[in-house]
Amino acid sequence: MFIKINPHNSLVYYILAFRSVTMKLCKTMKTFTKLNILVIFLALAAFSCQNEEGFLSELASAETKYYEMEFTVQVTDLDGFQIFNEEAFTGGLDKIMQETGISEKSLNGIYLKEAEFSMESNGRYEDLSIMRFLELTIYTDVLGEKKVAKLNPVPVEQSRVSLNPANMNILPYFEEEKFIMTAQGFLEDRIYENVEMIARFKFEIKAGI
């Protein structure tokens, strides 16, 4: 024996209606989620194509060894800006490629990764408080001079400090036959004793497709 239920006059009607609406809502949400994922993917792909520094253009990076410049801050009758040392380094990409294992074909850029200045003498001056600021520059006759790192102000009571590298692609300088690195700074006061110092720095090589 079967009992016929009129769905319009019972709770069954509301249950069936709720089930129908829920199923439609779920289908709509699934479609919306798929569309969102597609939009995000397309946006990332467009950003990568437009931006040289995107995730497709930077697939690998490597660091060089440290370069060093030893120099003496000479006794001077004047305070103020001083060029402490200028040193020429051999350019060309062959050495960089051998050192990092990155091919010239995939090379995207060369950036200063780290730079530090340290005081090596143990005389009258015990720390770098004698300096107001310190800088490192790179130069060639063709490309001119660029400031690749700076620290201003120099913290007190420190005999070794790290400079802030500039976010600058200096690959063209390495393509020259040679380039000149310059350590310079600003003396707060006249000094009465030579100060021995070392500048150390290394580069980051970036490669992509």
Protein backbone atom coordinates (compact mmCIF):
# COMPACT_ATOMS: atom_id res chain seq x y z
CA MET A 1 0.00 0.00 0.00
CA PHE A 2 1.46 3.37 -1.03
CA ILE A 3 0.59 6.76 0.43
CA LYS A 4 0.73 9.67 -2.00
CA ILE A 5 2.20 12.84 -0.50
CA ASN A 6 1.42 16.20 -1.98
CA PRO A 7 4.74 18.06 -1.93
CA HIS A 8 3.02 21.43 -2.01
CA ASN A 9 1.22 20.72 1.28
CA SER A 10 4.03 19.16 3.31
CA LEU A 11 7.54 19.57 4.62
CA VAL A 12 8.80 17.49 1.69
CA TYR A 13 8.28 20.42 -0.65
CA TYR A 14 10.61 22.63 1.38
CA ILE A 15 13.25 19.92 1.66
CA LEU A 16 13.25 19.29 -2.10
CA ALA A 17 13.38 23.00 -2.84
CA PHE A 18 16.31 23.56 -0.47
CA ARG A 19 18.17 20.63 -2.05
CA SER A 20 17.67 22.06 -5.53
CA VAL A 21 18.91 25.53 -4.55
CA THR A 22 21.94 24.07 -2.74
CA MET A 23 22.96 22.02 -5.79
CA LYS A 24 22.71 25.04 -8.07
CA LEU A 25 24.73 27.15 -5.63
CA CYS A 26 27.48 24.53 -5.44
CA LYS A 27 27.73 24.39 -9.24
CA THR A 28 27.95 28.20 -9.37
CA MET A 29 30.71 28.30 -6.73
CA LYS A 30 32.74 25.65 -8.55
CA THR A 31 32.49 27.63 -11.78
CA PHE A 32 33.46 30.86 -9.96
CA THR A 33 36.48 29.17 -8.34
CA LYS A 34 37.69 27.84 -11.70
CA LEU A 35 37.35 31.30 -13.23
CA ASN A 36 39.31 32.86 -10.35
CA ILE A 37 42.17 30.38 -10.79
CA LEU A 38 42.26 31.06 -14.53
CA VAL A 39 42.34 34.84 -14.01
CA ILE A 40 45.18 34.59 -11.47
CA PHE A 41 47.22 32.36 -13.79
CA LEU A 42 46.76 34.74 -16.74
CA ALA A 43 47.73 37.72 -14.59
CA LEU A 44 50.95 36.05 -13.43
CA ALA A 45 51.84 35.07 -16.98
CA ALA A 46 51.27 38.63 -18.23
CA PHE A 47 53.34 40.09 -15.37
CA SER A 48 56.22 37.76 -16.16
CA CYS A 49 56.19 38.68 -19.85
CA GLN A 50 56.19 42.40 -19.12
CA ASN A 51 58.72 42.42 -16.28
CA GLU A 52 62.33 41.48 -17.04
CA GLU A 53 62.87 40.72 -13.37
CA GLY A 54 59.87 38.38 -13.24
CA PHE A 55 59.85 34.80 -12.08
CA LEU A 56 60.53 33.48 -15.60
CA SER A 57 63.52 35.75 -16.17
CA GLU A 58 65.27 34.94 -12.88
CA LEU A 59 65.62 31.20 -12.63
CA ALA A 60 69.11 31.06 -11.13
CA SER A 61 71.66 33.19 -9.33
CA ALA A 62 75.18 32.73 -8.05
CA GLU A 63 77.69 34.78 -6.08
CA THR A 64 81.30 35.58 -6.85
CA LYS A 65 84.17 35.33 -4.42
CA TYR A 66 85.05 38.41 -2.36
CA TYR A 67 87.17 41.10 -3.98
CA GLU A 68 89.46 43.08 -1.66
CA MET A 69 90.99 46.54 -1.68
CA GLU A 70 93.58 47.41 0.96
CA PHE A 71 94.26 51.09 1.49
CA THR A 72 95.53 53.70 3.92
CA VAL A 73 93.60 56.76 5.01
CA GLN A 74 96.44 59.27 5.08
CA VAL A 75 97.13 61.93 7.69
CA THR A 76 95.61 65.11 6.32
CA ASP A 77 95.36 68.74 7.27
CA LEU A 78 91.73 68.79 6.20
CA ASP A 79 88.52 67.03 7.12
CA GLY A 80 85.77 66.43 4.57
CA PHE A 81 85.42 64.27 1.48
CA GLN A 82 88.35 61.98 0.64
CA ILE A 83 89.08 59.42 -2.10
CA PHE A 84 90.86 56.67 -0.19
CA ASN A 85 91.74 54.24 -2.97
CA GLU A 86 91.12 53.49 -6.65
CA GLU A 87 91.85 50.02 -7.98
CA ALA A 88 91.43 48.55 -11.47
CA PHE A 89 89.90 45.11 -11.94
CA THR A 90 89.99 43.01 -15.09
CA GLY A 91 86.68 43.02 -16.94
CA GLY A 92 85.34 40.42 -19.34
CA LEU A 93 82.74 37.79 -18.56
CA ASP A 94 84.90 34.66 -18.95
CA LYS A 95 86.16 34.72 -15.37
CA ILE A 96 82.66 35.32 -14.00
CA MET A 97 81.24 32.46 -16.06
CA GLN A 98 83.93 30.05 -14.88
CA GLU A 99 83.51 31.08 -11.26
CA THR A 100 79.71 30.83 -11.13
CA GLY A 101 78.94 28.21 -13.78
CA ILE A 102 76.34 30.47 -15.43
CA SER A 103 76.51 30.68 -19.21
CA GLU A 104 76.82 34.02 -20.96
CA LYS A 105 73.73 33.20 -23.03
CA SER A 106 71.49 33.01 -19.97
CA LEU A 107 73.12 35.92 -18.11
CA ASN A 108 70.61 38.64 -17.16
CA GLY A 109 72.52 40.93 -14.84
CA ILE A 110 75.29 41.52 -12.32
CA TYR A 111 74.58 43.29 -9.04
CA LEU A 112 76.69 44.23 -6.04
CA LYS A 113 75.67 41.70 -3.37
CA GLU A 114 77.68 42.79 -0.32
CA ALA A 115 80.21 45.46 0.61
CA GLU A 116 81.98 46.12 3.88
CA PHE A 117 84.72 48.41 5.17
CA SER A 118 86.89 47.45 8.12
CA MET A 119 89.62 49.16 10.10
CA GLU A 120 92.77 47.07 10.41
CA SER A 121 95.10 49.36 12.39
CA ASN A 122 95.34 49.29 16.18
CA GLY A 123 96.66 52.77 16.78
CA ARG A 124 95.13 55.99 17.93
CA TYR A 125 91.80 55.40 16.18
CA GLU A 126 89.91 52.32 17.34
CA ASP A 127 86.74 52.52 15.28
CA LEU A 128 85.15 54.15 12.25
CA SER A 129 83.63 57.04 14.17
CA ILE A 130 86.14 59.23 12.34
CA MET A 131 83.95 58.79 9.23
CA ARG A 132 80.64 60.49 8.46
CA PHE A 133 79.86 58.30 5.45
CA LEU A 134 81.51 55.63 3.27
CA GLU A 135 80.94 54.84 -0.41
CA LEU A 136 81.95 52.38 -3.10
CA THR A 137 81.78 53.33 -6.79
CA ILE A 138 82.43 51.63 -10.14
CA TYR A 139 83.84 53.44 -13.19
CA THR A 140 84.91 53.06 -16.82
CA ASP A 141 85.79 55.76 -19.34
CA VAL A 142 82.87 54.75 -21.56
CA LEU A 143 80.15 54.25 -18.92
CA GLY A 144 81.21 56.83 -16.35
CA GLU A 145 80.89 56.43 -12.58
CA LYS A 146 78.07 54.82 -10.61
CA LYS A 147 77.69 54.63 -6.84
CA VAL A 148 77.09 50.97 -6.02
CA ALA A 149 77.08 51.10 -2.20
CA LYS A 150 76.86 53.68 0.57
CA LEU A 151 76.58 53.93 4.35
CA ASN A 152 75.42 57.21 5.85
CA PRO A 153 75.75 57.76 8.72
CA VAL A 154 78.53 55.44 9.84
CA PRO A 155 77.54 53.91 13.21
CA VAL A 156 79.72 54.79 16.20
CA GLU A 157 82.09 52.37 17.94
CA GLN A 158 82.23 49.96 15.00
CA SER A 159 85.49 48.84 13.40
CA ARG A 160 83.68 46.88 10.64
CA VAL A 161 80.56 48.08 8.84
CA SER A 162 78.38 46.84 5.98
CA LEU A 163 77.36 49.27 3.26
CA ASN A 164 73.94 49.32 1.60
CA PRO A 165 74.18 48.02 -1.99
CA ALA A 166 72.34 49.88 -4.74
CA ASN A 167 69.83 47.82 -6.74
CA MET A 168 71.67 48.48 -9.99
CA ASN A 169 72.52 46.17 -12.89
CA ILE A 170 76.24 46.74 -13.58
CA LEU A 171 76.64 44.02 -16.23
CA PRO A 172 77.84 46.57 -18.86
CA TYR A 173 80.85 47.41 -16.65
CA PHE A 174 81.95 43.76 -16.67
CA GLU A 175 81.72 43.72 -20.44
CA GLU A 176 84.46 46.36 -20.58
CA GLU A 177 88.14 45.39 -20.66
CA LYS A 178 88.59 46.71 -17.12
CA PHE A 179 86.67 48.69 -14.51
CA ILE A 180 87.79 50.79 -11.54
CA MET A 181 86.40 50.43 -8.03
CA THR A 182 86.81 53.42 -5.71
CA ALA A 183 86.60 53.50 -1.92
CA GLN A 184 85.79 56.96 -0.65
CA GLY A 185 84.23 58.72 2.29
CA PHE A 186 83.94 61.79 4.46
CA LEU A 187 86.25 62.42 7.42
CA GLU A 188 84.50 64.02 10.37
CA ASP A 189 87.71 65.65 11.57
CA ARG A 190 91.35 65.99 10.67
CA ILE A 191 93.27 62.83 11.59
CA TYR A 192 96.81 62.73 12.99
CA GLU A 193 97.72 59.13 12.27
CA ASN A 194 97.39 56.91 9.20
CA VAL A 195 94.51 54.43 9.34
CA GLU A 196 94.80 51.05 7.58
CA MET A 197 91.55 49.77 6.08
CA ILE A 198 90.16 47.04 3.84
CA ALA A 199 87.12 47.16 1.56
CA ARG A 200 85.61 43.77 0.70
CA PHE A 201 82.79 43.19 -1.76
CA LYS A 202 81.21 40.51 -3.93
CA PHE A 203 78.73 40.36 -6.77
CA GLU A 204 75.55 38.42 -7.52
CA ILE A 205 75.13 36.97 -11.00
CA LYS A 206 71.51 36.53 -12.16
CA ALA A 207 70.45 34.26 -15.02
CA GLY A 208 67.14 33.36 -16.62
CA ILE A 209 65.42 32.62 -19.92
